[in-house]
Amino acid sequence: SGLVAAAVVSSPVCLANMMKRITRPWTLDYIYNLAVAAGLRYFIWTHRHSIKTVSNFDIQGALWEWTLPGLEEIGISQEFGYVNRHQYYEQASSLDYI
């Protein structure tokens, strides 16, 4: 992807616990999950031509996903070098670094 480094400044968060919370149907966290996933799908659609030139990301598959875990399973975590979303949650969680 050409990405060399990235930084996120936030409070410590356990990605696995966060994903459990946002996947409980019809809670405020779940609705937030749907809204963020919709924003990501829009970003993917808008930038699909650029994404295709630098990645094998499954754009069509991603456009059918409605949740963050679904988008991560389709390939977001793999784009950053993780085997699956669970490895991503374990290794990318800020909880261990902040």
N, C-alpha and C. Protein backbone atom coordinates (compact mmCIF):
# COMPACT_ATOMS: atom_id res chain seq x y z
N SER A 1 0.81 -1.20 0.00
CA SER A 1 0.00 0.00 0.00
C SER A 1 0.85 1.25 0.00
N GLY A 2 2.12 1.14 0.31
CA GLY A 2 2.97 2.30 0.38
C GLY A 2 2.94 2.99 1.72
N LEU A 3 2.07 2.55 2.61
CA LEU A 3 1.97 3.13 3.94
C LEU A 3 3.19 2.71 4.75
N VAL A 4 3.93 3.68 5.24
CA VAL A 4 5.14 3.40 6.01
C VAL A 4 4.85 3.43 7.50
N ALA A 5 4.04 4.36 7.94
CA ALA A 5 3.73 4.46 9.36
C ALA A 5 2.39 5.17 9.54
N ALA A 6 1.79 4.92 10.68
CA ALA A 6 0.54 5.60 11.01
C ALA A 6 0.49 5.76 12.52
N ALA A 7 -0.21 6.76 12.96
CA ALA A 7 -0.36 6.99 14.39
C ALA A 7 -1.80 7.36 14.68
N VAL A 8 -2.32 6.78 15.74
CA VAL A 8 -3.65 7.13 16.21
C VAL A 8 -3.51 7.54 17.66
N VAL A 9 -4.03 8.68 17.97
CA VAL A 9 -3.97 9.14 19.35
C VAL A 9 -5.37 8.97 19.94
N SER A 10 -5.45 8.06 20.90
CA SER A 10 -6.74 7.79 21.52
C SER A 10 -6.50 7.16 22.88
N SER A 11 -7.56 6.98 23.60
CA SER A 11 -7.43 6.28 24.87
C SER A 11 -7.18 4.80 24.58
N PRO A 12 -6.58 4.08 25.53
CA PRO A 12 -6.33 2.65 25.30
C PRO A 12 -7.63 1.90 25.00
N VAL A 13 -7.58 1.04 24.03
CA VAL A 13 -8.77 0.29 23.65
C VAL A 13 -8.39 -1.13 23.32
N CYS A 14 -9.21 -2.05 23.76
CA CYS A 14 -9.05 -3.46 23.39
C CYS A 14 -9.98 -3.70 22.21
N LEU A 15 -9.42 -3.92 21.04
CA LEU A 15 -10.23 -4.07 19.83
C LEU A 15 -11.18 -5.25 19.92
N ALA A 16 -10.75 -6.36 20.52
CA ALA A 16 -11.62 -7.54 20.63
C ALA A 16 -12.85 -7.22 21.48
N ASN A 17 -12.65 -6.55 22.62
CA ASN A 17 -13.80 -6.19 23.46
C ASN A 17 -14.70 -5.18 22.77
N MET A 18 -14.10 -4.24 22.06
CA MET A 18 -14.89 -3.24 21.35
C MET A 18 -15.77 -3.93 20.30
N MET A 19 -15.20 -4.89 19.58
CA MET A 19 -15.97 -5.59 18.55
C MET A 19 -17.12 -6.39 19.15
N LYS A 20 -16.91 -6.95 20.33
CA LYS A 20 -18.01 -7.66 21.00
C LYS A 20 -19.15 -6.70 21.31
N ARG A 21 -18.78 -5.51 21.80
CA ARG A 21 -19.80 -4.52 22.15
C ARG A 21 -20.58 -4.05 20.93
N ILE A 22 -19.87 -3.74 19.85
CA ILE A 22 -20.56 -3.14 18.70
C ILE A 22 -21.32 -4.15 17.86
N THR A 23 -21.20 -5.43 18.17
CA THR A 23 -21.94 -6.42 17.40
C THR A 23 -23.18 -6.92 18.13
N ARG A 24 -23.47 -6.39 19.32
CA ARG A 24 -24.72 -6.73 20.01
C ARG A 24 -25.86 -5.99 19.30
N PRO A 25 -26.75 -6.74 18.65
CA PRO A 25 -27.79 -6.10 17.82
C PRO A 25 -28.64 -5.08 18.57
N TRP A 26 -28.92 -4.03 17.87
CA TRP A 26 -29.85 -2.97 18.22
C TRP A 26 -29.51 -2.23 19.50
N THR A 27 -28.22 -2.12 19.76
CA THR A 27 -27.74 -1.23 20.82
C THR A 27 -27.20 0.03 20.13
N LEU A 28 -26.92 1.05 20.91
CA LEU A 28 -26.35 2.27 20.33
C LEU A 28 -24.99 1.97 19.69
N ASP A 29 -24.21 1.09 20.35
CA ASP A 29 -22.91 0.70 19.78
C ASP A 29 -23.08 0.00 18.43
N TYR A 30 -24.11 -0.82 18.31
CA TYR A 30 -24.37 -1.53 17.05
C TYR A 30 -24.73 -0.55 15.94
N ILE A 31 -25.55 0.43 16.26
CA ILE A 31 -25.94 1.43 15.27
C ILE A 31 -24.72 2.25 14.85
N TYR A 32 -23.83 2.55 15.79
CA TYR A 32 -22.57 3.22 15.47
C TYR A 32 -21.75 2.35 14.51
N ASN A 33 -21.68 1.06 14.78
CA ASN A 33 -20.99 0.09 13.93
C ASN A 33 -21.52 0.17 12.49
N LEU A 34 -22.83 0.19 12.34
CA LEU A 34 -23.44 0.27 11.01
C LEU A 34 -23.09 1.59 10.31
N ALA A 35 -23.09 2.68 11.08
CA ALA A 35 -22.78 3.99 10.50
C ALA A 35 -21.33 4.07 10.05
N VAL A 36 -20.41 3.59 10.87
CA VAL A 36 -19.00 3.62 10.50
C VAL A 36 -18.75 2.71 9.29
N ALA A 37 -19.38 1.54 9.28
CA ALA A 37 -19.23 0.63 8.14
C ALA A 37 -19.78 1.28 6.86
N ALA A 38 -20.88 2.00 6.97
CA ALA A 38 -21.44 2.70 5.80
C ALA A 38 -20.45 3.75 5.30
N GLY A 39 -19.82 4.46 6.21
CA GLY A 39 -18.81 5.44 5.82
C GLY A 39 -17.62 4.79 5.14
N LEU A 40 -17.18 3.65 5.65
CA LEU A 40 -16.07 2.93 5.01
C LEU A 40 -16.45 2.42 3.63
N ARG A 41 -17.67 1.90 3.50
CA ARG A 41 -18.12 1.44 2.18
C ARG A 41 -18.15 2.61 1.19
N TYR A 42 -18.60 3.77 1.63
CA TYR A 42 -18.61 4.95 0.76
C TYR A 42 -17.19 5.31 0.35
N PHE A 43 -16.26 5.29 1.31
CA PHE A 43 -14.85 5.59 1.03
C PHE A 43 -14.30 4.57 0.03
N ILE A 44 -14.59 3.29 0.23
CA ILE A 44 -14.11 2.24 -0.67
C ILE A 44 -14.68 2.46 -2.07
N TRP A 45 -15.97 2.75 -2.16
CA TRP A 45 -16.60 2.98 -3.47
C TRP A 45 -15.99 4.21 -4.15
N THR A 46 -15.83 5.28 -3.41
CA THR A 46 -15.30 6.53 -3.97
C THR A 46 -13.88 6.36 -4.48
N HIS A 47 -13.08 5.56 -3.79
CA HIS A 47 -11.67 5.41 -4.12
C HIS A 47 -11.35 4.05 -4.74
N ARG A 48 -12.37 3.38 -5.27
CA ARG A 48 -12.19 2.01 -5.79
C ARG A 48 -11.12 1.92 -6.88
N HIS A 49 -11.03 2.91 -7.74
CA HIS A 49 -10.04 2.85 -8.83
C HIS A 49 -8.62 2.93 -8.27
N SER A 50 -8.41 3.80 -7.31
CA SER A 50 -7.09 3.89 -6.67
C SER A 50 -6.76 2.63 -5.89
N ILE A 51 -7.74 2.10 -5.18
CA ILE A 51 -7.53 0.88 -4.40
C ILE A 51 -7.12 -0.26 -5.31
N LYS A 52 -7.78 -0.38 -6.46
CA LYS A 52 -7.47 -1.46 -7.41
C LYS A 52 -6.04 -1.39 -7.92
N THR A 53 -5.49 -0.18 -8.04
CA THR A 53 -4.15 -0.05 -8.60
C THR A 53 -3.06 -0.46 -7.62
N VAL A 54 -3.35 -0.47 -6.32
CA VAL A 54 -2.31 -0.79 -5.33
C VAL A 54 -2.61 -2.02 -4.48
N SER A 55 -3.75 -2.67 -4.73
CA SER A 55 -4.16 -3.72 -3.81
C SER A 55 -5.01 -4.78 -4.50
N ASN A 56 -5.08 -5.94 -3.88
CA ASN A 56 -5.98 -7.01 -4.33
C ASN A 56 -7.24 -7.05 -3.46
N PHE A 57 -7.51 -5.98 -2.76
CA PHE A 57 -8.66 -5.90 -1.86
C PHE A 57 -9.95 -6.22 -2.61
N ASP A 58 -10.80 -7.03 -2.00
CA ASP A 58 -12.07 -7.44 -2.60
C ASP A 58 -13.10 -6.31 -2.46
N ILE A 59 -13.07 -5.38 -3.39
CA ILE A 59 -13.95 -4.21 -3.33
C ILE A 59 -15.42 -4.61 -3.40
N GLN A 60 -15.77 -5.47 -4.33
CA GLN A 60 -17.17 -5.88 -4.46
C GLN A 60 -17.66 -6.60 -3.21
N GLY A 61 -16.81 -7.46 -2.65
CA GLY A 61 -17.18 -8.14 -1.41
C GLY A 61 -17.39 -7.15 -0.27
N ALA A 62 -16.51 -6.16 -0.19
CA ALA A 62 -16.60 -5.16 0.87
C ALA A 62 -17.89 -4.34 0.74
N LEU A 63 -18.31 -4.07 -0.46
CA LEU A 63 -19.52 -3.26 -0.66
C LEU A 63 -20.78 -3.98 -0.20
N TRP A 64 -20.71 -5.30 -0.04
CA TRP A 64 -21.85 -6.08 0.44
C TRP A 64 -21.83 -6.26 1.95
N GLU A 65 -20.76 -5.86 2.62
CA GLU A 65 -20.65 -6.01 4.07
C GLU A 65 -21.28 -4.82 4.78
N TRP A 66 -22.02 -5.08 5.84
CA TRP A 66 -22.73 -4.02 6.55
C TRP A 66 -22.16 -3.70 7.92
N THR A 67 -21.16 -4.48 8.39
CA THR A 67 -20.61 -4.25 9.72
C THR A 67 -19.09 -4.12 9.65
N LEU A 68 -18.51 -3.53 10.68
CA LEU A 68 -17.05 -3.42 10.74
C LEU A 68 -16.38 -4.80 10.77
N PRO A 69 -16.84 -5.74 11.60
CA PRO A 69 -16.20 -7.06 11.56
C PRO A 69 -16.29 -7.70 10.17
N GLY A 70 -17.40 -7.50 9.49
CA GLY A 70 -17.53 -8.03 8.13
C GLY A 70 -16.52 -7.43 7.19
N LEU A 71 -16.33 -6.12 7.26
CA LEU A 71 -15.34 -5.46 6.42
C LEU A 71 -13.93 -5.91 6.77
N GLU A 72 -13.69 -6.13 8.05
CA GLU A 72 -12.36 -6.60 8.44
C GLU A 72 -12.12 -8.02 7.96
N GLU A 73 -13.14 -8.86 7.99
CA GLU A 73 -12.99 -10.23 7.49
C GLU A 73 -12.74 -10.25 5.98
N ILE A 74 -13.37 -9.34 5.26
CA ILE A 74 -13.24 -9.33 3.81
C ILE A 74 -11.84 -8.92 3.37
N GLY A 75 -11.07 -8.31 4.28
CA GLY A 75 -9.70 -8.04 3.89
C GLY A 75 -9.01 -6.82 4.44
N ILE A 76 -9.70 -5.99 5.23
CA ILE A 76 -9.02 -4.81 5.75
C ILE A 76 -7.82 -5.20 6.60
N SER A 77 -7.99 -6.16 7.49
CA SER A 77 -6.86 -6.55 8.35
C SER A 77 -5.73 -7.16 7.53
N GLN A 78 -6.05 -7.89 6.47
CA GLN A 78 -5.03 -8.49 5.61
C GLN A 78 -4.24 -7.41 4.87
N GLU A 79 -4.88 -6.31 4.54
CA GLU A 79 -4.19 -5.22 3.86
C GLU A 79 -3.07 -4.64 4.72
N PHE A 80 -3.19 -4.78 6.03
CA PHE A 80 -2.18 -4.28 6.94
C PHE A 80 -1.25 -5.38 7.44
N GLY A 81 -1.31 -6.56 6.79
CA GLY A 81 -0.35 -7.62 7.08
C GLY A 81 -0.77 -8.63 8.13
N TYR A 82 -2.01 -8.59 8.57
CA TYR A 82 -2.49 -9.55 9.56
C TYR A 82 -3.18 -10.71 8.85
N VAL A 83 -3.13 -11.89 9.47
CA VAL A 83 -3.73 -13.08 8.87
C VAL A 83 -5.26 -12.97 8.85
N ASN A 84 -5.84 -12.46 9.92
CA ASN A 84 -7.29 -12.31 10.03
C ASN A 84 -7.60 -11.20 11.03
N ARG A 85 -8.87 -10.93 11.21
CA ARG A 85 -9.23 -9.82 12.09
C ARG A 85 -8.89 -10.10 13.54
N HIS A 86 -8.87 -11.36 13.95
CA HIS A 86 -8.56 -11.69 15.34
C HIS A 86 -7.08 -11.41 15.65
N GLN A 87 -6.19 -11.72 14.71
CA GLN A 87 -4.78 -11.39 14.89
C GLN A 87 -4.62 -9.86 14.92
N TYR A 88 -5.36 -9.18 14.07
CA TYR A 88 -5.34 -7.72 14.05
C TYR A 88 -5.76 -7.16 15.40
N TYR A 89 -6.87 -7.68 15.96
CA TYR A 89 -7.34 -7.21 17.26
C TYR A 89 -6.28 -7.42 18.34
N GLU A 90 -5.64 -8.58 18.28
CA GLU A 90 -4.64 -8.92 19.30
C GLU A 90 -3.39 -8.05 19.20
N GLN A 91 -2.90 -7.84 18.00
CA GLN A 91 -1.62 -7.16 17.83
C GLN A 91 -1.73 -5.65 17.62
N ALA A 92 -2.86 -5.16 17.18
CA ALA A 92 -2.99 -3.73 16.90
C ALA A 92 -3.70 -2.96 17.98
N SER A 93 -4.13 -3.64 19.00
CA SER A 93 -4.83 -2.98 20.10
C SER A 93 -3.92 -1.98 20.80
N SER A 94 -4.40 -0.77 21.02
CA SER A 94 -3.59 0.24 21.70
C SER A 94 -3.47 -0.04 23.19
N LEU A 95 -4.26 -0.96 23.69
CA LEU A 95 -4.26 -1.28 25.11
C LEU A 95 -2.87 -1.69 25.60
N ASP A 96 -2.11 -2.36 24.76
CA ASP A 96 -0.77 -2.83 25.14
C ASP A 96 0.31 -1.77 24.99
N TYR A 97 0.01 -0.67 24.33
CA TYR A 97 1.05 0.31 24.02
C TYR A 97 0.90 1.64 24.72
N ILE A 98 -0.26 1.90 25.27
CA ILE A 98 -0.48 3.21 25.90
C ILE A 98 -0.52 3.03 27.42
